[in-house]
Protein backbone atom coordinates (compact mmCIF):
# COMPACT_ATOMS: atom_id res chain seq x y z
CA MET A 1 -68.05 11.39 135.70
CA ASN A 2 -68.39 14.72 133.89
CA ARG A 3 -71.00 14.15 131.17
CA SER A 4 -69.89 17.25 129.26
CA ARG A 5 -66.78 15.34 128.20
CA TYR A 6 -69.02 13.00 126.18
CA VAL A 7 -69.77 15.71 123.65
CA THR A 8 -66.38 17.44 123.63
CA ARG A 9 -64.29 14.42 122.57
CA ARG A 10 -64.75 13.33 118.97
CA LEU A 11 -63.81 9.78 118.08
CA ASP A 12 -61.41 9.47 115.17
CA THR A 13 -60.63 6.41 113.06
CA ILE A 14 -57.94 5.17 115.47
CA ASP A 15 -60.29 5.50 118.47
CA ARG A 16 -62.89 3.47 116.58
CA GLU A 17 -60.31 0.81 115.70
CA ILE A 18 -59.26 0.54 119.35
CA ILE A 19 -62.87 0.22 120.55
CA THR A 20 -63.74 -2.30 117.85
CA ALA A 21 -60.67 -4.44 118.61
CA LEU A 22 -61.35 -4.38 122.36
CA THR A 23 -65.00 -5.25 121.75
CA GLU A 24 -63.95 -8.28 119.71
CA ASP A 25 -61.32 -9.36 122.26
CA GLY A 26 -61.37 -7.56 125.60
CA ARG A 27 -58.42 -9.63 126.83
CA MET A 28 -56.14 -8.47 124.02
CA THR A 29 -52.82 -7.17 125.33
CA ILE A 30 -51.84 -3.58 124.70
CA ARG A 31 -48.91 -4.85 122.63
CA ASP A 32 -51.20 -6.98 120.42
CA LEU A 33 -53.63 -4.08 120.08
CA ALA A 34 -50.80 -1.70 119.16
CA ASP A 35 -49.50 -4.17 116.54
CA LYS A 36 -53.00 -4.60 115.13
CA ILE A 37 -53.57 -0.89 114.56
CA GLY A 38 -49.96 0.06 113.81
CA MET A 39 -49.15 2.24 116.82
CA SER A 40 -46.78 2.09 119.75
CA SER A 41 -47.94 0.55 123.03
CA PRO A 42 -47.59 3.81 124.99
CA SER A 43 -49.65 5.67 122.36
CA VAL A 44 -52.41 3.04 122.52
CA THR A 45 -52.38 3.12 126.32
CA GLU A 46 -52.73 6.90 126.27
CA ARG A 47 -55.61 6.67 123.77
CA ILE A 48 -57.40 4.09 125.92
CA HIS A 49 -57.06 6.31 129.00
CA LYS A 50 -58.47 9.27 127.07
CA LEU A 51 -61.36 7.13 125.81
CA GLU A 52 -62.08 6.04 129.39
CA ASP A 53 -61.88 9.62 130.68
CA ALA A 54 -64.22 10.80 127.91
CA GLY A 55 -66.76 8.09 128.77
CA ALA A 56 -66.43 6.33 125.40
CA ILE A 57 -65.16 3.25 127.26
CA ARG A 58 -67.25 2.88 130.42
CA GLY A 59 -65.78 -0.35 131.68
CA TYR A 60 -64.78 -3.89 130.90
CA THR A 61 -66.96 -6.91 131.44
CA LEU A 62 -67.13 -10.66 131.22
CA LEU A 63 -69.94 -12.29 129.26
CA VAL A 64 -71.33 -15.56 130.60
CA ASP A 65 -73.95 -17.93 129.26
CA PRO A 66 -76.81 -18.04 131.81
CA LYS A 67 -77.71 -21.57 130.65
CA VAL A 68 -74.45 -22.86 132.14
CA PHE A 69 -75.82 -21.73 135.52
CA GLY A 70 -79.19 -23.41 135.01
CA LEU A 71 -80.94 -20.25 133.81
CA GLY A 72 -82.42 -21.66 130.62
CA ILE A 73 -85.34 -19.25 130.26
CA ALA A 74 -84.87 -15.68 129.10
CA ALA A 75 -87.84 -13.37 128.75
CA HIS A 76 -88.63 -9.76 127.95
CA VAL A 77 -91.16 -8.23 130.31
CA ARG A 78 -92.97 -5.03 129.41
CA ILE A 79 -94.04 -3.27 132.59
CA ARG A 80 -96.59 -0.48 132.91
CA ALA A 81 -96.42 1.03 136.40
CA ARG A 82 -99.68 2.03 138.03
CA PRO A 83 -100.09 5.78 138.73
CA GLY A 84 -97.63 6.92 141.40
CA GLU A 85 -95.65 3.65 141.32
CA VAL A 86 -92.89 4.39 138.76
CA LYS A 87 -90.17 4.95 141.36
CA ARG A 88 -91.17 1.85 143.31
CA VAL A 89 -91.18 -0.32 140.17
CA ALA A 90 -87.80 1.08 139.11
CA GLN A 91 -86.36 0.17 142.51
CA MET A 92 -87.94 -3.28 142.36
CA LEU A 93 -86.32 -3.88 138.97
CA PHE A 94 -82.97 -2.84 140.42
CA ASP A 95 -83.45 -5.07 143.47
CA THR A 96 -84.60 -8.18 141.54
CA PRO A 97 -81.54 -10.30 140.73
CA GLU A 98 -83.34 -12.20 137.97
CA VAL A 99 -83.64 -8.91 136.05
CA VAL A 100 -80.46 -8.73 133.97
CA GLU A 101 -81.37 -5.56 132.04
CA ALA A 102 -84.05 -2.92 132.37
CA ASP A 103 -84.74 0.25 130.45
CA HIS A 104 -87.15 3.09 131.17
CA VAL A 105 -88.93 3.51 127.83
CA THR A 106 -91.40 5.73 126.03
CA GLY A 107 -94.79 4.52 124.85
CA GLU A 108 -97.55 2.77 126.73
CA ASP A 109 -95.14 0.82 128.93
CA CYS A 110 -92.79 2.38 131.47
CA PHE A 111 -90.08 -0.27 131.49
CA LEU A 112 -88.72 -3.05 129.34
CA ALA A 113 -86.85 -5.66 131.36
CA LYS A 114 -84.94 -8.80 130.42
CA VAL A 115 -85.17 -11.63 132.91
CA ALA A 116 -83.08 -14.82 133.22
CA VAL A 117 -84.59 -17.69 135.22
CA CYS A 118 -84.38 -21.47 135.51
CA ASP A 119 -87.93 -22.31 134.41
CA VAL A 120 -91.39 -20.92 133.66
CA GLN A 121 -92.47 -21.21 137.29
CA ALA A 122 -89.58 -18.98 138.36
CA LEU A 123 -90.53 -16.52 135.61
CA GLU A 124 -94.08 -16.43 136.94
CA GLU A 125 -92.79 -15.74 140.46
CA VAL A 126 -90.69 -12.82 139.24
CA VAL A 127 -93.53 -11.30 137.20
CA ASP A 128 -96.01 -11.75 140.07
CA ARG A 129 -93.83 -9.54 142.33
CA PHE A 130 -94.71 -6.57 140.14
CA LEU A 131 -98.46 -7.16 139.85
CA PRO A 132 -99.53 -5.10 142.89
CA PHE A 133 -97.75 -2.08 141.39
CA ALA A 134 -97.83 -2.60 137.62
CA SER A 135 -99.31 -4.53 134.74
CA THR A 136 -96.99 -6.75 132.73
CA ASP A 137 -96.72 -8.45 129.36
CA THR A 138 -94.15 -11.21 128.99
CA ALA A 139 -92.48 -12.75 125.94
CA ILE A 140 -90.18 -15.76 126.35
CA VAL A 141 -87.10 -15.66 124.13
CA GLN A 142 -87.04 -18.61 121.72
CA SER A 143 -83.68 -17.71 120.17
CA SER A 144 -81.52 -14.64 119.67
CA THR A 145 -81.33 -13.43 116.10
CA VAL A 146 -78.85 -10.64 116.93
CA VAL A 147 -76.80 -10.95 120.08
CA ARG A 148 -75.59 -7.81 121.81
CA ARG A 149 -73.12 -6.05 119.57
CA LEU A 150 -71.39 -2.75 119.15
CA PRO A 151 -73.48 -0.22 117.22
CA LYS A 152 -72.06 1.08 113.97
CA LEU A 153 -69.37 3.59 114.89
């Protein structure tokens, strides 16, 4: 994908309406979306394609509740890679299926990861994998005050 397109395409009010509507209901039909924002279906389809090409819409996804699959523990793990181990730790995060999100961050830590596991023992096993290459600090999620949402457009 050409990253330069990110800065060359400005989002107007209609683009924001389309993105907001699709964020609220990703299964909405083009016809329903067109009716909602007062445009024709072909015009909405063209706008969506332009938003995808510009990188404003990167993909479509399905949200699931990990608890339904027996993954009742979520935790945030701050990871500080030992000197020379940043690339290894990054690859380990990518290769660890229990890691559902990971960001390379500024500050004292190198990474902030979110982990979904079945119990505290499984959490300990995941965290222990990193100990030869990094130090960790773990916080178990008690509840989510703000679930993932679209930032203010």
